[in-house]
Amino acid sequence: MKLLFVGTNRGGGGTESHFITLARTMQEAGHSVAAIVYPGSPIHTGLRDSGVVLHDGVFRNAFDPRGFRTVWKVCRQYHPDWIIGSFSKEYWPLAVLARLLGVKLALFKHMDFRMRPATNYFIPRMADRFIVISDFMKKKFIARGVKAEHMRVLYNPLNLDYFKPDLELRQTSRKNLGYADNDIVLGFLGALHPDKGFLQLADAVNQAMLAIPNLKALWLGDGRGADALDKIIYGGGFASRHTRHKWTSDVRPFYAAMDMLAMPSVESETFGRVSIEAQASGVPVLCSDIGGIPETLLPGVTGVLLRPGDIAAWCDAIIELASNKPERVKMASQGRAWVEQRFSAPVIGREFDAMLQSDEPIN
């Protein structure tokens, strides 16, 4: 197939990572892949030297004529079988252009933001494949009036050559971060926004530190809640056992240093990319039972599922897992196998290929 990915966002978050990984995966699977991206953006950098043919483009908003002209021109030259989009500002332009050009359209919806009524009604019907990233998200959109037959579910793909256990990196990272061999490191990775549950986690960690003398906490992220986190850290009596780092584009050294990762969200997440990245890196996870996060782990096998915001329960779970190295090692091994089976880029690529080539009726 000939696939044209369109994504002119300038950011570097989960949606952009999905875009990059899926485009690379389809190229590596033998499809002809081109992409219209913003020059110099993280997407552009991530696809450079991938074999994907890159075209510069921009959609400042849904009415930006520059974006229309670029997509029209590339389609007339490239003749794609499918146009694939992931960003809401491009939904309507791609839907209109796909109809005018007679090209099939696949649109991904990653975020749980309510769409405007007209968009909510028409876009899932105008797209030949309207794809959400979890069963939880599908149920949410059904509740908002989108018919189930207008949606497909496809999980986020993960590059397991990039996220993997690395003993040498672990030793180097722990040394650089000042951790001893017998320290047990609990990590948090994400935006420091209250809905991520990091404040409740910090309280639970401080309580667990009373019981586990060699328990350390590693915090990676930025956000408006940073001062509130520092207040708990420095007021909890164990400030020297907490390490704070600002966000970085390469998180692998931090995963490598961890013995377990916490994803303690207190409000719904559409998925849990951090959870599968950690498991792929050989790190067991403690996750909130909310939104799409439960779909990213096997409770009791690759990690632990906990009630959101329940500080006592999180404290107990941290103590239990920190005290049981054989269980952590077992979960780490099973987590890697689980992610490889369910979320690896080749697996998701094959599912996407089948989704596009199926004989499902056009919406």
Protein backbone atom coordinates (compact mmCIF):
# COMPACT_ATOMS: atom_id res chain seq x y z
CA MET A 1 0.00 0.00 0.00
CA LYS A 2 0.93 3.64 -0.44
CA LEU A 3 0.36 5.53 2.81
CA LEU A 4 0.48 9.27 3.39
CA PHE A 5 0.80 10.30 7.05
CA VAL A 6 -0.11 13.91 7.82
CA GLY A 7 0.99 15.38 11.15
CA THR A 8 2.20 18.98 11.34
CA ASN A 9 2.17 19.34 15.13
CA ARG A 10 5.33 20.78 16.61
CA GLY A 11 5.13 18.96 19.95
CA GLY A 12 6.93 15.88 21.21
CA GLY A 13 4.36 14.01 23.30
CA GLY A 14 2.64 10.65 23.13
CA THR A 15 0.62 11.37 19.99
CA GLU A 16 3.76 12.41 18.15
CA SER A 17 5.58 9.28 19.38
CA HIS A 18 2.70 7.15 18.10
CA PHE A 19 2.84 8.89 14.72
CA ILE A 20 6.59 8.34 14.36
CA THR A 21 6.54 4.69 15.48
CA LEU A 22 3.59 3.72 13.29
CA ALA A 23 4.98 5.43 10.18
CA ARG A 24 8.35 3.76 10.68
CA THR A 25 6.70 0.39 11.30
CA MET A 26 4.65 0.53 8.11
CA GLN A 27 7.73 1.54 6.12
CA GLU A 28 9.72 -1.35 7.59
CA ALA A 29 6.85 -3.72 6.77
CA GLY A 30 7.34 -2.99 3.08
CA HIS A 31 4.72 -0.34 2.42
CA SER A 32 5.51 2.87 0.57
CA VAL A 33 5.22 5.63 3.19
CA ALA A 34 5.36 9.40 2.86
CA ALA A 35 4.63 12.01 5.53
CA ILE A 36 3.76 15.70 5.61
CA VAL A 37 5.32 17.15 8.77
CA TYR A 38 6.40 20.46 10.22
CA PRO A 39 10.09 21.06 9.40
CA GLY A 40 12.41 20.72 12.37
CA SER A 41 9.68 19.31 14.63
CA PRO A 42 10.19 16.18 16.79
CA ILE A 43 8.15 14.23 14.24
CA HIS A 44 10.45 15.43 11.45
CA THR A 45 13.52 14.48 13.51
CA GLY A 46 12.03 11.11 14.45
CA LEU A 47 11.34 10.16 10.83
CA ARG A 48 14.56 11.47 9.38
CA ASP A 49 16.69 8.65 7.90
CA SER A 50 13.76 6.23 8.33
CA GLY A 51 13.07 5.70 4.65
CA VAL A 52 9.79 7.63 4.97
CA VAL A 53 9.65 10.33 2.29
CA LEU A 54 9.20 13.66 4.10
CA HIS A 55 7.39 16.75 2.85
CA ASP A 56 7.31 20.06 4.71
CA GLY A 57 3.86 21.25 5.68
CA VAL A 58 1.87 23.21 8.23
CA PHE A 59 -1.70 23.43 9.46
CA ARG A 60 -1.88 26.38 11.83
CA ASN A 61 -5.58 25.53 12.16
CA ALA A 62 -8.31 23.76 10.21
CA PHE A 63 -8.61 26.67 7.77
CA ASP A 64 -4.93 27.14 6.93
CA PRO A 65 -4.72 27.21 3.10
CA ARG A 66 -1.03 26.28 3.20
CA GLY A 67 -1.87 22.86 4.59
CA PHE A 68 -4.61 22.29 2.02
CA ARG A 69 -2.27 23.15 -0.84
CA THR A 70 0.50 20.87 0.44
CA VAL A 71 -1.73 17.82 0.95
CA TRP A 72 -3.41 18.36 -2.43
CA LYS A 73 -0.06 18.67 -4.21
CA VAL A 74 1.51 15.63 -2.53
CA CYS A 75 -1.58 13.49 -3.16
CA ARG A 76 -1.64 14.41 -6.83
CA GLN A 77 2.02 13.40 -7.14
CA TYR A 78 2.07 10.40 -4.82
CA HIS A 79 -1.42 8.87 -5.37
CA PRO A 80 -1.73 7.31 -1.87
CA ASP A 81 -4.16 4.54 -1.08
CA TRP A 82 -4.71 6.00 2.39
CA ILE A 83 -4.28 9.34 4.12
CA ILE A 84 -3.58 8.91 7.84
CA GLY A 85 -4.02 11.71 10.39
CA SER A 86 -3.68 11.98 14.16
CA PHE A 87 -4.29 15.62 15.13
CA SER A 88 -7.70 17.23 15.58
CA LYS A 89 -6.83 20.49 13.79
CA GLU A 90 -6.28 18.42 10.64
CA TYR A 91 -9.45 16.26 10.83
CA TRP A 92 -11.70 18.47 8.70
CA PRO A 93 -9.09 19.43 6.08
CA LEU A 94 -8.12 15.78 5.60
CA ALA A 95 -11.76 14.65 5.50
CA VAL A 96 -12.59 17.21 2.80
CA LEU A 97 -9.44 16.54 0.78
CA ALA A 98 -9.84 12.76 0.97
CA ARG A 99 -13.38 13.07 -0.44
CA LEU A 100 -12.30 15.44 -3.21
CA LEU A 101 -9.35 13.26 -4.18
CA GLY A 102 -11.09 9.90 -3.82
CA VAL A 103 -8.55 8.65 -1.25
CA LYS A 104 -9.43 6.56 1.79
CA LEU A 105 -8.94 8.22 5.17
CA ALA A 106 -7.86 6.85 8.58
CA LEU A 107 -8.02 9.20 11.56
CA PHE A 108 -6.66 8.47 15.04
CA LYS A 109 -8.17 9.97 18.18
CA HIS A 110 -5.69 9.95 21.06
CA MET A 111 -7.01 12.45 23.59
CA ASP A 112 -10.25 12.33 25.56
CA PHE A 113 -11.25 15.87 24.68
CA ARG A 114 -14.85 16.37 23.70
CA MET A 115 -15.22 17.17 20.03
CA ARG A 116 -17.59 19.85 18.85
CA PRO A 117 -21.05 18.43 18.03
CA ALA A 118 -20.60 18.64 14.26
CA THR A 119 -17.13 17.05 14.47
CA ASN A 120 -18.38 14.36 16.86
CA TYR A 121 -21.15 13.44 14.41
CA PHE A 122 -19.54 13.80 10.99
CA ILE A 123 -15.83 12.96 11.34
CA PRO A 124 -16.26 9.33 12.55
CA ARG A 125 -18.63 8.85 9.59
CA MET A 126 -16.50 10.64 7.00
CA ALA A 127 -13.33 8.74 7.93
CA ASP A 128 -13.09 5.25 6.43
CA ARG A 129 -11.40 4.20 9.67
CA PHE A 130 -11.86 6.23 12.86
CA ILE A 131 -9.44 4.72 15.36
CA VAL A 132 -9.21 5.14 19.14
CA ILE A 133 -6.35 3.86 21.29
CA SER A 134 -8.17 1.87 24.00
CA ASP A 135 -11.42 0.07 24.71
CA PHE A 136 -12.00 2.61 27.49
CA MET A 137 -11.88 5.42 24.94
CA LYS A 138 -14.26 3.60 22.62
CA LYS A 139 -16.82 3.32 25.41
CA LYS A 140 -16.46 7.02 26.17
CA PHE A 141 -17.21 7.97 22.59
CA ILE A 142 -20.14 5.57 22.38
CA ALA A 143 -21.55 7.39 25.42
CA ARG A 144 -21.15 10.64 23.48
CA GLY A 145 -23.19 9.36 20.57
CA VAL A 146 -20.58 7.90 18.23
CA LYS A 147 -21.79 4.54 16.98
CA ALA A 148 -19.61 1.53 17.79
CA GLU A 149 -19.51 0.48 14.13
CA HIS A 150 -17.82 3.79 13.26
CA MET A 151 -14.82 3.07 15.49
CA ARG A 152 -11.87 0.70 15.65
CA VAL A 153 -9.41 0.16 18.51
CA LEU A 154 -5.67 0.04 17.93
CA TYR A 155 -3.21 0.29 20.81
CA ASN A 156 -0.08 2.41 20.80
CA PRO A 157 2.88 0.67 19.13
CA LEU A 158 6.20 0.51 20.98
CA ASN A 159 9.69 0.11 19.55
CA LEU A 160 11.18 -2.72 21.61
CA ASP A 161 14.63 -2.20 20.14
CA TYR A 162 14.55 1.23 21.78
CA PHE A 163 12.86 0.32 25.08
CA LYS A 164 14.55 -2.77 26.48
CA PRO A 165 16.35 -4.03 29.59
CA ASP A 166 19.99 -2.93 29.56
CA LEU A 167 22.19 -4.09 32.43
CA GLU A 168 25.12 -1.88 31.44
CA LEU A 169 22.87 1.19 31.21
CA ARG A 170 21.34 0.28 34.57
CA GLN A 171 24.73 0.17 36.27
CA THR A 172 25.82 3.45 34.69
CA SER A 173 22.55 5.24 35.42
CA ARG A 174 22.35 4.15 39.04
CA LYS A 175 25.95 5.21 39.59
CA ASN A 176 25.34 8.60 38.00
CA LEU A 177 22.19 9.10 40.06
CA GLY A 178 23.96 8.12 43.27
CA TYR A 179 22.10 4.88 44.02
CA ALA A 180 23.74 1.99 45.87
CA ASP A 181 23.39 -1.59 44.65
CA ASN A 182 20.93 -2.42 47.40
CA ASP A 183 18.76 0.69 46.97
CA ILE A 184 15.21 0.04 45.76
CA VAL A 185 14.18 2.80 43.39
CA LEU A 186 10.54 3.68 42.77
CA GLY A 187 10.13 5.95 39.75
CA PHE A 188 7.50 8.40 38.54
CA LEU A 189 7.68 9.73 34.98
CA GLY A 190 5.26 12.29 33.60
CA ALA A 191 3.80 15.77 33.75
CA LEU A 192 3.55 17.24 37.24
CA HIS A 193 -0.15 18.02 36.96
CA PRO A 194 -2.52 17.19 39.86
CA ASP A 195 -4.55 14.72 37.79
CA LYS A 196 -1.44 12.52 37.52
CA GLY A 197 -1.73 11.63 41.22
CA PHE A 198 1.90 12.35 42.06
CA LEU A 199 1.03 14.23 45.26
CA GLN A 200 -0.80 11.23 46.71
CA LEU A 201 2.06 9.04 45.54
CA ALA A 202 4.60 11.25 47.31
CA ASP A 203 2.67 10.88 50.57
CA ALA A 204 2.51 7.10 50.10
CA VAL A 205 6.24 6.93 49.33
CA ASN A 206 7.16 8.92 52.44
CA GLN A 207 5.10 6.53 54.56
CA ALA A 208 6.68 3.51 52.87
CA MET A 209 10.14 4.94 53.53
CA LEU A 210 9.46 4.53 57.25
CA ALA A 211 9.27 0.76 56.69
CA ILE A 212 11.88 0.35 53.92
CA PRO A 213 15.19 2.07 54.83
CA ASN A 214 16.72 1.61 51.38
CA LEU A 215 13.67 2.82 49.42
CA LYS A 216 14.45 5.76 47.11
CA ALA A 217 12.16 7.83 44.88
CA LEU A 218 13.04 9.12 41.42
CA TRP A 219 10.83 11.87 39.97
CA LEU A 220 11.13 12.84 36.31
CA GLY A 221 8.93 15.60 34.92
CA ASP A 222 7.88 19.24 34.95
CA GLY A 223 4.62 21.08 35.49
CA ARG A 224 2.61 23.43 37.62
CA GLY A 225 2.57 20.99 40.52
CA ALA A 226 6.35 21.00 41.00
CA ASP A 227 6.26 23.32 44.04
CA ALA A 228 3.56 21.22 45.72
CA LEU A 229 5.65 18.09 45.17
CA ASP A 230 8.73 19.75 46.63
CA LYS A 231 6.72 20.75 49.68
CA ILE A 232 5.80 17.11 50.36
CA ILE A 233 9.33 15.89 49.62
CA TYR A 234 11.09 18.43 51.84
CA GLY A 235 8.48 18.29 54.57
CA GLY A 236 8.25 14.52 54.83
CA GLY A 237 11.48 13.85 56.66
CA PHE A 238 13.13 11.89 53.83
CA ALA A 239 14.20 14.62 51.42
CA SER A 240 17.62 13.07 50.84
CA ARG A 241 15.98 9.89 49.54
CA HIS A 242 14.08 11.72 46.78
CA THR A 243 15.70 12.70 43.48
CA ARG A 244 14.02 15.23 41.14
CA HIS A 245 14.88 15.68 37.48
CA LYS A 246 13.38 17.84 34.76
CA TRP A 247 11.94 16.23 31.66
CA THR A 248 14.31 14.88 29.02
CA SER A 249 13.66 13.46 25.58
CA ASP A 250 15.57 10.24 26.35
CA VAL A 251 13.99 8.56 29.36
CA ARG A 252 15.72 5.20 28.97
CA PRO A 253 18.47 5.88 31.56
CA PHE A 254 15.77 6.63 34.14
CA TYR A 255 13.79 3.48 33.41
CA ALA A 256 17.06 1.54 33.65
CA ALA A 257 17.69 2.92 37.15
CA MET A 258 14.25 1.93 38.47
CA ASP A 259 13.18 -1.20 40.33
CA MET A 260 9.50 -0.34 39.89
CA LEU A 261 7.45 2.43 38.34
CA ALA A 262 4.29 4.11 39.60
CA MET A 263 1.55 5.49 37.36
CA PRO A 264 -0.82 6.86 40.05
CA SER A 265 -3.28 8.93 37.97
CA VAL A 266 -6.40 10.09 39.80
CA GLU A 267 -8.26 11.15 36.65
CA SER A 268 -8.90 9.10 33.54
CA GLU A 269 -6.13 8.51 31.03
CA THR A 270 -6.96 7.29 27.54
CA PHE A 271 -4.05 4.84 27.67
CA GLY A 272 -0.85 4.39 29.68
CA ARG A 273 2.19 4.67 27.43
CA VAL A 274 4.54 5.12 30.40
CA SER A 275 3.30 1.80 31.77
CA ILE A 276 4.17 -0.16 28.63
CA GLU A 277 7.50 1.66 28.19
CA ALA A 278 8.48 0.68 31.73
CA GLN A 279 7.44 -2.95 31.29
CA ALA A 280 9.31 -3.13 27.98
CA SER A 281 12.37 -1.85 29.86
CA GLY A 282 12.06 -4.65 32.42
CA VAL A 283 10.41 -2.63 35.18
CA PRO A 284 7.30 -3.85 37.06
CA VAL A 285 4.53 -1.27 37.43
CA LEU A 286 2.11 0.00 40.06
CA CYS A 287 -0.86 1.53 38.22
CA SER A 288 -4.15 3.22 38.99
CA ASP A 289 -7.29 1.31 38.12
CA ILE A 290 -8.73 4.12 36.03
CA GLY A 291 -9.40 4.94 32.38
CA GLY A 292 -7.38 3.00 29.82
CA ILE A 293 -4.46 2.29 32.16
CA PRO A 294 -5.69 -1.22 33.19
CA GLU A 295 -5.43 -2.28 29.55
CA THR A 296 -1.64 -1.81 29.68
CA LEU A 297 -0.75 -4.47 32.26
CA LEU A 298 -1.66 -7.89 33.61
CA PRO A 299 -2.55 -7.34 37.29
CA GLY A 300 -0.60 -9.65 39.57
CA VAL A 301 1.56 -10.80 36.67
CA THR A 302 3.35 -7.77 35.23
CA GLY A 303 2.36 -5.26 37.90
CA VAL A 304 -0.20 -4.18 40.46
CA LEU A 305 -3.51 -2.38 39.92
CA LEU A 306 -4.59 -0.01 42.72
CA ARG A 307 -7.47 2.24 43.63
CA PRO A 308 -6.67 5.82 42.52
CA GLY A 309 -5.72 8.20 45.32
CA ASP A 310 -5.81 5.57 48.08
CA ILE A 311 -2.62 6.55 49.88
CA ALA A 312 -2.75 3.66 52.36
CA ALA A 313 -3.22 1.07 49.62
CA TRP A 314 -0.39 2.55 47.55
CA CYS A 315 1.89 2.60 50.60
CA ASP A 316 1.15 -1.07 51.33
CA ALA A 317 1.73 -2.06 47.69
CA ILE A 318 5.04 -0.21 47.55
CA ILE A 319 6.21 -1.88 50.76
CA GLU A 320 5.11 -5.31 49.56
CA LEU A 321 6.84 -5.07 46.17
CA ALA A 322 9.94 -3.38 47.58
CA SER A 323 10.27 -6.23 50.10
CA ASN A 324 9.98 -8.99 47.50
CA LYS A 325 12.87 -8.99 45.01
CA PRO A 326 11.96 -12.39 43.47
CA GLU A 327 8.49 -11.06 42.67
CA ARG A 328 9.93 -7.91 41.10
CA VAL A 329 12.29 -9.97 38.94
CA LYS A 330 9.46 -12.27 37.88
CA MET A 331 7.16 -9.37 37.02
CA ALA A 332 9.95 -7.66 35.07
CA SER A 333 10.44 -10.72 32.87
CA GLN A 334 6.71 -11.27 32.35
CA GLY A 335 6.14 -7.58 31.65
CA ARG A 336 8.63 -7.54 28.81
CA ALA A 337 7.01 -10.64 27.28
CA TRP A 338 3.51 -9.14 27.68
CA VAL A 339 4.43 -5.90 25.91
CA GLU A 340 6.17 -7.81 23.12
CA GLN A 341 3.08 -9.91 22.59
CA ARG A 342 0.52 -7.10 22.76
CA PHE A 343 2.10 -3.71 22.01
CA SER A 344 5.28 -4.22 20.00
CA ALA A 345 5.50 -2.19 16.81
CA PRO A 346 5.42 -5.23 14.46
CA VAL A 347 2.29 -6.59 16.18
CA ILE A 348 0.44 -3.26 16.01
CA GLY A 349 1.69 -2.73 12.45
CA ARG A 350 0.18 -6.04 11.35
CA GLU A 351 -3.11 -5.17 13.05
CA PHE A 352 -3.15 -1.78 11.35
CA ASP A 353 -2.35 -3.36 7.98
CA ALA A 354 -5.22 -5.82 8.40
CA MET A 355 -7.53 -3.01 9.49
CA LEU A 356 -6.79 -1.00 6.35
CA GLN A 357 -6.96 -3.96 3.97
CA SER A 358 -10.10 -5.54 5.40
CA ASP A 359 -13.35 -5.62 3.44
CA GLU A 360 -15.18 -3.60 6.08
CA PRO A 361 -17.72 -1.28 4.47
CA ILE A 362 -16.72 2.36 4.03
CA ASN A 363 -18.51 4.63 6.53
